[in-house]
N, C-alpha and C. Protein backbone atom coordinates (compact mmCIF):
# COMPACT_ATOMS: atom_id res chain seq x y z
N MET A 1 25.02 1.26 18.19
CA MET A 1 25.79 0.60 17.16
C MET A 1 24.89 0.36 15.94
N SER A 2 25.29 0.88 14.82
CA SER A 2 24.50 0.72 13.60
C SER A 2 25.08 -0.42 12.78
N ARG A 3 24.31 -1.49 12.67
CA ARG A 3 24.77 -2.61 11.85
C ARG A 3 24.52 -2.33 10.38
N VAL A 4 23.46 -1.57 10.09
CA VAL A 4 23.17 -1.24 8.69
C VAL A 4 24.24 -0.32 8.14
N GLY A 5 24.67 0.65 8.94
CA GLY A 5 25.65 1.62 8.48
C GLY A 5 27.01 1.03 8.20
N LYS A 6 27.35 -0.08 8.84
CA LYS A 6 28.66 -0.69 8.65
C LYS A 6 28.77 -1.55 7.40
N LYS A 7 27.63 -1.91 6.80
CA LYS A 7 27.67 -2.74 5.60
C LYS A 7 28.25 -1.96 4.42
N ILE A 8 29.05 -2.65 3.64
CA ILE A 8 29.66 -2.03 2.46
C ILE A 8 28.69 -2.15 1.29
N ILE A 9 28.52 -1.07 0.56
CA ILE A 9 27.64 -1.05 -0.60
C ILE A 9 28.48 -1.40 -1.83
N THR A 10 28.08 -2.45 -2.52
CA THR A 10 28.80 -2.80 -3.74
C THR A 10 28.32 -1.89 -4.87
N VAL A 11 29.27 -1.38 -5.60
CA VAL A 11 28.97 -0.49 -6.72
C VAL A 11 29.11 -1.30 -8.01
N PRO A 12 27.99 -1.55 -8.72
CA PRO A 12 28.06 -2.36 -9.94
C PRO A 12 28.79 -1.64 -11.07
N LYS A 13 29.16 -2.40 -12.09
CA LYS A 13 29.80 -1.82 -13.26
C LYS A 13 28.81 -0.92 -13.98
N GLY A 14 29.30 0.17 -14.50
CA GLY A 14 28.44 1.12 -15.20
C GLY A 14 27.88 2.20 -14.30
N VAL A 15 28.18 2.12 -12.99
CA VAL A 15 27.71 3.13 -12.04
C VAL A 15 28.91 3.88 -11.51
N THR A 16 28.84 5.22 -11.56
CA THR A 16 29.91 6.04 -11.01
C THR A 16 29.35 6.82 -9.82
N VAL A 17 30.10 6.80 -8.73
CA VAL A 17 29.71 7.50 -7.51
C VAL A 17 30.73 8.60 -7.26
N THR A 18 30.25 9.83 -7.14
CA THR A 18 31.10 10.96 -6.82
C THR A 18 30.76 11.42 -5.41
N VAL A 19 31.77 11.44 -4.54
CA VAL A 19 31.57 11.81 -3.14
C VAL A 19 31.90 13.29 -2.98
N HIS A 20 30.87 14.08 -2.63
CA HIS A 20 31.07 15.48 -2.29
C HIS A 20 30.95 15.62 -0.78
N GLU A 21 31.17 16.82 -0.27
CA GLU A 21 31.14 17.01 1.19
C GLU A 21 29.75 16.78 1.78
N ARG A 22 28.70 17.30 1.16
CA ARG A 22 27.35 17.22 1.72
C ARG A 22 26.41 16.35 0.90
N GLU A 23 26.89 15.75 -0.20
CA GLU A 23 26.01 14.90 -1.01
C GLU A 23 26.80 13.88 -1.81
N LEU A 24 26.08 12.86 -2.24
CA LEU A 24 26.62 11.85 -3.15
C LEU A 24 25.95 12.01 -4.49
N GLU A 25 26.70 11.90 -5.56
CA GLU A 25 26.13 11.94 -6.90
C GLU A 25 26.34 10.56 -7.52
N VAL A 26 25.24 9.92 -7.89
CA VAL A 26 25.29 8.56 -8.43
C VAL A 26 24.77 8.61 -9.86
N LYS A 27 25.63 8.17 -10.80
CA LYS A 27 25.26 8.13 -12.22
C LYS A 27 25.22 6.67 -12.66
N GLY A 28 24.17 6.32 -13.37
CA GLY A 28 24.03 4.96 -13.85
C GLY A 28 23.30 4.92 -15.18
N PRO A 29 22.97 3.72 -15.64
CA PRO A 29 22.32 3.61 -16.95
C PRO A 29 20.92 4.22 -16.99
N LYS A 30 20.22 4.33 -15.86
CA LYS A 30 18.86 4.87 -15.86
C LYS A 30 18.80 6.36 -15.55
N GLY A 31 19.91 6.96 -15.09
CA GLY A 31 19.88 8.38 -14.80
C GLY A 31 20.87 8.79 -13.72
N VAL A 32 20.65 9.98 -13.18
CA VAL A 32 21.52 10.56 -12.16
C VAL A 32 20.68 10.90 -10.93
N LEU A 33 21.19 10.54 -9.75
CA LEU A 33 20.54 10.88 -8.49
C LEU A 33 21.53 11.55 -7.56
N ARG A 34 21.05 12.52 -6.80
CA ARG A 34 21.86 13.17 -5.78
C ARG A 34 21.24 12.85 -4.42
N THR A 35 22.08 12.39 -3.50
CA THR A 35 21.63 11.98 -2.17
C THR A 35 22.32 12.85 -1.13
N PRO A 36 21.56 13.47 -0.22
CA PRO A 36 22.20 14.28 0.83
C PRO A 36 22.92 13.39 1.85
N VAL A 37 24.00 13.93 2.40
CA VAL A 37 24.76 13.23 3.43
C VAL A 37 24.61 14.02 4.73
N PRO A 38 24.11 13.38 5.81
CA PRO A 38 23.95 14.10 7.08
C PRO A 38 25.29 14.57 7.64
N GLU A 39 25.24 15.59 8.47
CA GLU A 39 26.45 16.13 9.07
C GLU A 39 27.07 15.10 10.02
N GLY A 40 28.38 14.93 9.95
CA GLY A 40 29.07 13.96 10.79
C GLY A 40 29.25 12.61 10.13
N ILE A 41 28.67 12.42 8.93
CA ILE A 41 28.79 11.17 8.19
C ILE A 41 29.66 11.43 6.96
N SER A 42 30.56 10.51 6.68
CA SER A 42 31.39 10.64 5.47
C SER A 42 31.39 9.31 4.73
N PHE A 43 31.61 9.38 3.43
CA PHE A 43 31.66 8.18 2.59
C PHE A 43 33.06 8.05 2.01
N LYS A 44 33.51 6.80 1.93
CA LYS A 44 34.79 6.51 1.30
C LYS A 44 34.56 5.47 0.21
N LEU A 45 35.07 5.77 -0.97
CA LEU A 45 34.93 4.88 -2.11
C LEU A 45 36.22 4.09 -2.26
N GLY A 46 36.12 2.75 -2.11
CA GLY A 46 37.29 1.89 -2.21
C GLY A 46 37.12 0.86 -3.30
N ASP A 47 38.04 -0.08 -3.34
CA ASP A 47 37.99 -1.13 -4.35
C ASP A 47 36.83 -2.09 -4.12
N ASP A 48 36.49 -2.33 -2.83
CA ASP A 48 35.41 -3.27 -2.51
C ASP A 48 34.04 -2.62 -2.55
N GLY A 49 33.96 -1.30 -2.56
CA GLY A 49 32.67 -0.62 -2.64
C GLY A 49 32.66 0.70 -1.89
N LEU A 50 31.47 1.13 -1.56
CA LEU A 50 31.25 2.41 -0.88
C LEU A 50 30.95 2.13 0.58
N GLN A 51 31.64 2.83 1.47
CA GLN A 51 31.44 2.61 2.90
C GLN A 51 31.16 3.93 3.59
N ALA A 52 30.16 3.90 4.50
CA ALA A 52 29.79 5.07 5.29
C ALA A 52 30.51 5.00 6.63
N GLU A 53 31.02 6.15 7.09
CA GLU A 53 31.68 6.23 8.39
C GLU A 53 31.11 7.40 9.15
N ARG A 54 31.06 7.27 10.48
CA ARG A 54 30.53 8.34 11.32
C ARG A 54 31.64 8.88 12.22
N SER A 55 31.46 10.15 12.63
CA SER A 55 32.48 10.79 13.44
C SER A 55 32.34 10.45 14.93
N SER A 56 31.12 10.15 15.40
CA SER A 56 30.92 9.78 16.80
C SER A 56 29.81 8.73 16.90
N ASP A 57 29.75 8.07 18.06
CA ASP A 57 28.74 7.03 18.27
C ASP A 57 27.33 7.58 18.44
N GLU A 58 27.21 8.88 18.67
CA GLU A 58 25.89 9.50 18.81
C GLU A 58 25.15 9.57 17.48
N LEU A 59 25.86 9.39 16.38
CA LEU A 59 25.27 9.51 15.04
C LEU A 59 24.93 8.14 14.44
N ALA A 60 24.62 7.16 15.28
CA ALA A 60 24.35 5.81 14.79
C ALA A 60 23.12 5.78 13.89
N ALA A 61 22.06 6.52 14.25
CA ALA A 61 20.84 6.52 13.44
C ALA A 61 21.09 7.17 12.07
N GLN A 62 21.83 8.28 12.06
CA GLN A 62 22.13 8.94 10.78
C GLN A 62 23.09 8.09 9.94
N HIS A 63 23.92 7.30 10.61
CA HIS A 63 24.86 6.42 9.91
C HIS A 63 24.08 5.40 9.06
N GLY A 64 23.11 4.74 9.67
CA GLY A 64 22.29 3.77 8.95
C GLY A 64 21.44 4.43 7.89
N LEU A 65 20.92 5.62 8.21
CA LEU A 65 20.09 6.36 7.25
C LEU A 65 20.88 6.73 6.01
N ALA A 66 22.08 7.28 6.21
CA ALA A 66 22.90 7.72 5.08
C ALA A 66 23.28 6.54 4.19
N ARG A 67 23.60 5.40 4.82
CA ARG A 67 23.95 4.20 4.05
C ARG A 67 22.76 3.69 3.26
N ALA A 68 21.56 3.70 3.87
CA ALA A 68 20.35 3.24 3.18
C ALA A 68 20.00 4.16 2.02
N LEU A 69 20.15 5.46 2.19
CA LEU A 69 19.86 6.40 1.10
C LEU A 69 20.84 6.22 -0.07
N ALA A 70 22.10 5.99 0.25
CA ALA A 70 23.09 5.76 -0.80
C ALA A 70 22.80 4.45 -1.53
N ASN A 71 22.44 3.42 -0.79
CA ASN A 71 22.12 2.14 -1.42
C ASN A 71 20.88 2.27 -2.31
N ASN A 72 19.85 3.00 -1.86
CA ASN A 72 18.66 3.21 -2.66
C ASN A 72 18.98 3.97 -3.95
N ALA A 73 19.93 4.91 -3.88
CA ALA A 73 20.32 5.65 -5.09
C ALA A 73 21.01 4.73 -6.08
N ILE A 74 21.87 3.83 -5.59
CA ILE A 74 22.58 2.92 -6.48
C ILE A 74 21.61 1.91 -7.10
N VAL A 75 20.70 1.38 -6.30
CA VAL A 75 19.69 0.45 -6.84
C VAL A 75 18.78 1.16 -7.82
N GLY A 76 18.43 2.41 -7.54
CA GLY A 76 17.55 3.18 -8.41
C GLY A 76 18.13 3.42 -9.79
N VAL A 77 19.42 3.77 -9.87
CA VAL A 77 20.00 4.08 -11.17
C VAL A 77 20.36 2.81 -11.95
N THR A 78 20.38 1.64 -11.30
CA THR A 78 20.65 0.40 -12.02
C THR A 78 19.38 -0.36 -12.37
N GLU A 79 18.51 -0.59 -11.39
CA GLU A 79 17.31 -1.39 -11.60
C GLU A 79 16.03 -0.56 -11.64
N GLY A 80 15.97 0.48 -10.82
CA GLY A 80 14.76 1.28 -10.69
C GLY A 80 13.81 0.67 -9.68
N PHE A 81 12.76 1.39 -9.34
CA PHE A 81 11.77 0.95 -8.37
C PHE A 81 10.39 0.98 -9.02
N SER A 82 9.48 0.16 -8.51
CA SER A 82 8.10 0.18 -9.01
C SER A 82 7.15 -0.08 -7.86
N LYS A 83 5.95 0.44 -8.00
CA LYS A 83 4.90 0.29 -7.00
C LYS A 83 3.59 0.12 -7.74
N GLN A 84 2.74 -0.77 -7.24
CA GLN A 84 1.45 -1.01 -7.89
C GLN A 84 0.32 -0.46 -7.03
N MET A 85 -0.63 0.18 -7.70
CA MET A 85 -1.82 0.73 -7.05
C MET A 85 -3.04 0.13 -7.74
N ASP A 86 -4.05 -0.25 -6.94
CA ASP A 86 -5.30 -0.78 -7.48
C ASP A 86 -6.40 0.26 -7.31
N VAL A 87 -7.17 0.47 -8.38
CA VAL A 87 -8.35 1.34 -8.34
C VAL A 87 -9.54 0.40 -8.42
N VAL A 88 -10.26 0.25 -7.29
CA VAL A 88 -11.32 -0.75 -7.17
C VAL A 88 -12.64 -0.05 -6.91
N GLY A 89 -13.69 -0.46 -7.62
CA GLY A 89 -15.03 0.06 -7.39
C GLY A 89 -15.80 0.15 -8.69
N VAL A 90 -17.12 0.06 -8.59
CA VAL A 90 -17.98 0.16 -9.76
C VAL A 90 -17.91 1.60 -10.29
N GLY A 91 -17.49 1.75 -11.53
CA GLY A 91 -17.39 3.07 -12.14
C GLY A 91 -16.09 3.79 -11.83
N TYR A 92 -15.22 3.20 -11.05
CA TYR A 92 -13.94 3.83 -10.73
C TYR A 92 -12.95 3.49 -11.84
N ARG A 93 -12.30 4.52 -12.38
CA ARG A 93 -11.37 4.33 -13.49
C ARG A 93 -10.13 5.18 -13.28
N ALA A 94 -9.07 4.76 -13.94
CA ALA A 94 -7.83 5.55 -14.00
C ALA A 94 -7.24 5.36 -15.38
N GLU A 95 -7.03 6.47 -16.08
CA GLU A 95 -6.50 6.41 -17.44
C GLU A 95 -5.30 7.34 -17.57
N PRO A 96 -4.10 6.78 -17.79
CA PRO A 96 -2.95 7.65 -18.02
C PRO A 96 -3.02 8.29 -19.40
N GLN A 97 -2.75 9.59 -19.45
CA GLN A 97 -2.72 10.32 -20.72
C GLN A 97 -1.52 11.25 -20.69
N GLY A 98 -0.41 10.78 -21.25
CA GLY A 98 0.81 11.58 -21.25
C GLY A 98 1.38 11.67 -19.84
N ARG A 99 1.56 12.91 -19.35
CA ARG A 99 2.10 13.14 -18.02
C ARG A 99 1.00 13.35 -16.98
N LYS A 100 -0.23 12.90 -17.30
CA LYS A 100 -1.37 13.04 -16.39
C LYS A 100 -2.05 11.69 -16.23
N VAL A 101 -2.73 11.54 -15.11
CA VAL A 101 -3.59 10.38 -14.90
C VAL A 101 -4.98 10.92 -14.56
N ASN A 102 -5.98 10.54 -15.36
CA ASN A 102 -7.35 10.97 -15.12
C ASN A 102 -8.08 9.89 -14.33
N PHE A 103 -8.62 10.29 -13.18
CA PHE A 103 -9.33 9.37 -12.30
C PHE A 103 -10.81 9.68 -12.32
N ALA A 104 -11.64 8.65 -12.28
CA ALA A 104 -13.08 8.77 -12.01
C ALA A 104 -13.28 7.98 -10.72
N LEU A 105 -13.51 8.69 -9.61
CA LEU A 105 -13.52 8.05 -8.30
C LEU A 105 -14.83 8.23 -7.54
N GLY A 106 -15.92 8.40 -8.27
CA GLY A 106 -17.21 8.52 -7.62
C GLY A 106 -17.55 9.94 -7.19
N TYR A 107 -16.70 10.88 -7.46
CA TYR A 107 -17.01 12.28 -7.18
C TYR A 107 -17.85 12.84 -8.32
N SER A 108 -18.36 14.06 -8.15
CA SER A 108 -19.16 14.69 -9.19
C SER A 108 -18.29 15.23 -10.32
N HIS A 109 -16.99 15.16 -10.16
CA HIS A 109 -16.07 15.69 -11.16
C HIS A 109 -14.90 14.71 -11.33
N PRO A 110 -14.27 14.71 -12.50
CA PRO A 110 -13.08 13.87 -12.66
C PRO A 110 -11.90 14.48 -11.91
N VAL A 111 -11.00 13.63 -11.45
CA VAL A 111 -9.82 14.09 -10.74
C VAL A 111 -8.63 13.88 -11.66
N GLU A 112 -7.84 14.94 -11.85
CA GLU A 112 -6.68 14.89 -12.73
C GLU A 112 -5.41 14.99 -11.87
N TYR A 113 -4.52 14.03 -12.02
CA TYR A 113 -3.26 14.03 -11.25
C TYR A 113 -2.09 14.20 -12.22
N ASN A 114 -1.28 15.23 -12.00
CA ASN A 114 -0.11 15.49 -12.83
C ASN A 114 1.09 14.74 -12.27
N LEU A 115 1.73 13.94 -13.10
CA LEU A 115 2.89 13.17 -12.68
C LEU A 115 4.14 14.04 -12.67
N PRO A 116 4.98 13.93 -11.63
CA PRO A 116 6.23 14.69 -11.62
C PRO A 116 7.24 14.05 -12.57
N GLU A 117 8.31 14.78 -12.87
CA GLU A 117 9.36 14.27 -13.74
C GLU A 117 10.02 13.06 -13.09
N GLY A 118 10.32 12.07 -13.89
CA GLY A 118 11.01 10.89 -13.40
C GLY A 118 10.10 9.75 -12.99
N ILE A 119 8.78 9.98 -13.00
CA ILE A 119 7.83 8.93 -12.63
C ILE A 119 7.00 8.59 -13.87
N ASP A 120 6.94 7.29 -14.19
CA ASP A 120 6.15 6.81 -15.32
C ASP A 120 5.03 5.93 -14.79
N VAL A 121 3.95 5.83 -15.56
CA VAL A 121 2.81 5.02 -15.13
C VAL A 121 2.29 4.20 -16.30
N LYS A 122 1.88 2.97 -15.99
CA LYS A 122 1.22 2.09 -16.96
C LYS A 122 -0.04 1.58 -16.29
N SER A 123 -1.08 1.35 -17.08
CA SER A 123 -2.32 0.84 -16.49
C SER A 123 -2.69 -0.50 -17.12
N GLU A 124 -3.39 -1.29 -16.33
CA GLU A 124 -3.86 -2.59 -16.77
C GLU A 124 -5.23 -2.81 -16.16
N ARG A 125 -6.15 -3.32 -16.97
CA ARG A 125 -7.51 -3.56 -16.50
C ARG A 125 -7.69 -5.04 -16.20
N VAL A 126 -8.15 -5.36 -15.00
CA VAL A 126 -8.27 -6.74 -14.56
C VAL A 126 -9.70 -6.97 -14.08
N ALA A 127 -10.29 -8.10 -14.48
CA ALA A 127 -11.64 -8.45 -14.02
C ALA A 127 -11.54 -9.02 -12.61
N THR A 128 -12.48 -8.63 -11.75
CA THR A 128 -12.51 -9.15 -10.38
C THR A 128 -13.32 -10.43 -10.35
N LYS A 129 -13.30 -11.12 -9.21
CA LYS A 129 -13.96 -12.42 -9.09
C LYS A 129 -15.38 -12.31 -8.54
N ALA A 130 -15.95 -11.15 -8.58
CA ALA A 130 -17.31 -10.96 -8.04
C ALA A 130 -18.34 -11.52 -9.03
N SER A 131 -19.55 -11.76 -8.53
CA SER A 131 -20.61 -12.27 -9.40
C SER A 131 -21.08 -11.19 -10.38
N ILE A 132 -20.99 -9.93 -9.98
CA ILE A 132 -21.32 -8.82 -10.87
C ILE A 132 -20.06 -8.51 -11.69
N PRO A 133 -20.15 -8.36 -13.00
CA PRO A 133 -18.96 -8.04 -13.77
C PRO A 133 -18.41 -6.67 -13.36
N GLN A 134 -17.27 -6.69 -12.73
CA GLN A 134 -16.67 -5.48 -12.20
C GLN A 134 -15.19 -5.51 -12.57
N TYR A 135 -14.63 -4.36 -12.88
CA TYR A 135 -13.24 -4.30 -13.29
C TYR A 135 -12.45 -3.46 -12.31
N GLN A 136 -11.21 -3.85 -12.16
CA GLN A 136 -10.31 -3.10 -11.32
C GLN A 136 -9.13 -2.68 -12.19
N VAL A 137 -8.66 -1.48 -12.00
CA VAL A 137 -7.53 -0.96 -12.76
C VAL A 137 -6.30 -1.04 -11.87
N THR A 138 -5.22 -1.61 -12.40
CA THR A 138 -3.95 -1.67 -11.70
C THR A 138 -3.00 -0.70 -12.36
N LEU A 139 -2.53 0.29 -11.59
CA LEU A 139 -1.54 1.25 -12.07
C LEU A 139 -0.17 0.80 -11.59
N THR A 140 0.79 0.74 -12.48
CA THR A 140 2.16 0.42 -12.12
C THR A 140 3.00 1.68 -12.25
N LEU A 141 3.44 2.21 -11.12
CA LEU A 141 4.28 3.40 -11.09
C LEU A 141 5.72 2.95 -11.08
N SER A 142 6.58 3.63 -11.83
CA SER A 142 7.99 3.27 -11.86
C SER A 142 8.84 4.53 -11.94
N GLY A 143 10.04 4.42 -11.37
CA GLY A 143 10.97 5.54 -11.37
C GLY A 143 12.27 5.14 -10.69
N ILE A 144 13.25 6.04 -10.71
CA ILE A 144 14.54 5.73 -10.11
C ILE A 144 14.66 6.27 -8.69
N ASP A 145 13.85 7.25 -8.32
CA ASP A 145 13.92 7.86 -6.99
C ASP A 145 12.86 7.21 -6.10
N LYS A 146 13.29 6.45 -5.10
CA LYS A 146 12.36 5.70 -4.25
C LYS A 146 11.48 6.63 -3.41
N GLN A 147 12.03 7.73 -2.93
CA GLN A 147 11.26 8.66 -2.12
C GLN A 147 10.17 9.34 -2.94
N ARG A 148 10.50 9.80 -4.12
CA ARG A 148 9.51 10.47 -4.98
C ARG A 148 8.42 9.50 -5.41
N LEU A 149 8.80 8.26 -5.71
CA LEU A 149 7.84 7.23 -6.10
C LEU A 149 6.85 6.96 -4.97
N GLY A 150 7.35 6.85 -3.75
CA GLY A 150 6.48 6.64 -2.59
C GLY A 150 5.57 7.82 -2.34
N GLN A 151 6.06 9.03 -2.56
CA GLN A 151 5.24 10.23 -2.37
C GLN A 151 4.11 10.28 -3.39
N VAL A 152 4.39 9.96 -4.64
CA VAL A 152 3.35 9.95 -5.68
C VAL A 152 2.30 8.89 -5.36
N ALA A 153 2.74 7.71 -4.92
CA ALA A 153 1.79 6.65 -4.56
C ALA A 153 0.92 7.08 -3.38
N ALA A 154 1.50 7.76 -2.40
CA ALA A 154 0.73 8.24 -1.25
C ALA A 154 -0.29 9.31 -1.67
N GLU A 155 0.09 10.19 -2.58
CA GLU A 155 -0.84 11.22 -3.04
C GLU A 155 -1.99 10.60 -3.83
N MET A 156 -1.71 9.59 -4.65
CA MET A 156 -2.79 8.91 -5.37
C MET A 156 -3.70 8.16 -4.40
N HIS A 157 -3.13 7.56 -3.38
CA HIS A 157 -3.91 6.85 -2.36
C HIS A 157 -4.85 7.81 -1.63
N ASN A 158 -4.39 9.04 -1.40
CA ASN A 158 -5.20 10.02 -0.68
C ASN A 158 -6.31 10.64 -1.54
N LEU A 159 -6.30 10.41 -2.86
CA LEU A 159 -7.38 10.92 -3.70
C LEU A 159 -8.72 10.29 -3.31
N ARG A 160 -8.69 8.99 -3.00
CA ARG A 160 -9.89 8.29 -2.53
C ARG A 160 -9.41 7.08 -1.73
N LYS A 161 -9.32 7.25 -0.42
CA LYS A 161 -8.86 6.15 0.43
C LYS A 161 -9.86 5.01 0.38
N PRO A 162 -9.40 3.77 0.56
CA PRO A 162 -10.30 2.62 0.48
C PRO A 162 -11.40 2.67 1.54
N ASP A 163 -12.61 2.33 1.13
CA ASP A 163 -13.75 2.27 2.03
C ASP A 163 -13.55 1.09 2.98
N ALA A 164 -13.93 1.24 4.23
CA ALA A 164 -13.72 0.19 5.23
C ALA A 164 -14.67 -0.98 5.07
N TYR A 165 -15.80 -0.79 4.37
CA TYR A 165 -16.80 -1.86 4.25
C TYR A 165 -16.73 -2.61 2.93
N LYS A 166 -16.53 -1.89 1.82
CA LYS A 166 -16.49 -2.55 0.51
C LYS A 166 -15.10 -2.56 -0.12
N GLY A 167 -14.20 -1.72 0.37
CA GLY A 167 -12.84 -1.68 -0.16
C GLY A 167 -12.70 -0.85 -1.41
N LYS A 168 -13.72 -0.02 -1.74
CA LYS A 168 -13.66 0.79 -2.94
C LYS A 168 -12.70 1.96 -2.73
N GLY A 169 -11.91 2.26 -3.74
CA GLY A 169 -10.99 3.38 -3.66
C GLY A 169 -9.66 3.06 -4.31
N VAL A 170 -8.68 3.89 -4.05
CA VAL A 170 -7.33 3.70 -4.57
C VAL A 170 -6.51 3.10 -3.44
N ARG A 171 -5.97 1.90 -3.68
CA ARG A 171 -5.22 1.23 -2.62
C ARG A 171 -3.93 0.63 -3.15
N TYR A 172 -3.02 0.37 -2.21
CA TYR A 172 -1.76 -0.26 -2.55
C TYR A 172 -2.02 -1.73 -2.86
N ALA A 173 -1.41 -2.26 -3.91
CA ALA A 173 -1.66 -3.64 -4.31
C ALA A 173 -1.04 -4.65 -3.35
N ASP A 174 0.05 -4.28 -2.71
CA ASP A 174 0.75 -5.24 -1.85
C ASP A 174 0.32 -5.16 -0.39
N VAL A 175 -0.59 -4.27 -0.03
CA VAL A 175 -1.04 -4.13 1.35
C VAL A 175 -2.42 -4.79 1.47
N PRO A 176 -2.55 -5.82 2.31
CA PRO A 176 -3.88 -6.45 2.46
C PRO A 176 -4.84 -5.50 3.17
N LEU A 177 -6.09 -5.54 2.76
CA LEU A 177 -7.11 -4.66 3.32
C LEU A 177 -8.12 -5.50 4.08
N LYS A 178 -8.27 -5.24 5.37
CA LYS A 178 -9.22 -5.98 6.19
C LYS A 178 -10.54 -5.20 6.20
N LEU A 179 -11.59 -5.82 5.70
CA LEU A 179 -12.89 -5.16 5.59
C LEU A 179 -13.70 -5.40 6.85
N LYS A 180 -14.51 -4.40 7.23
CA LYS A 180 -15.41 -4.53 8.36
C LYS A 180 -16.62 -5.35 7.94
N PRO A 181 -17.25 -6.08 8.86
CA PRO A 181 -18.37 -6.95 8.46
C PRO A 181 -19.65 -6.21 8.12
N GLY A 182 -19.92 -5.06 8.66
CA GLY A 182 -21.16 -4.33 8.38
C GLY A 182 -22.29 -4.78 9.29
N LYS A 183 -23.48 -4.30 9.03
CA LYS A 183 -24.63 -4.64 9.89
C LYS A 183 -25.21 -5.99 9.53
N THR A 184 -25.78 -6.65 10.52
CA THR A 184 -26.45 -7.91 10.28
C THR A 184 -27.94 -7.75 10.59
N GLY A 185 -28.78 -8.45 9.83
CA GLY A 185 -30.22 -8.35 10.04
C GLY A 185 -30.69 -9.24 11.19
N LYS A 186 -31.93 -9.00 11.68
CA LYS A 186 -32.45 -9.79 12.79
C LYS A 186 -33.06 -11.08 12.31
């Protein structure tokens, strides 16, 4: 039994939802998104909102999935999504330049990341609380497609994963990082 799939999605004013056989098309003030509909799941648009229905009880997982994807599309075209990434470390930098982000991550060469369409980035430089003057760069990624935004954040995270001892690298701002204690002297 899918409790998520049974919830009705409210469609705000200014958003139009077109139900096709294999996909949903959601148009809103921020753009247009197309969401695939799994086989055996159908959507009905009524006065109270959008409701997902399944053909059999074996499709309970896809029922909840399809409803969540449709809800993410509606939220994306009305409000949008954002994710924050921190670039931490001495000499580590990230500078957005147009549709690219240039990283200096301690390698012998700069790393250039090309942003896909629909994803925007802003950077902010923040001083850390260490005794040595050190700066951390916070990148704010934003877009209407939640899946694409998460994929871009994961690819940036993989450019230089956080070090287990000092925490240097590209990390998610909302995920706490537990550091290892390191060696102790005699």
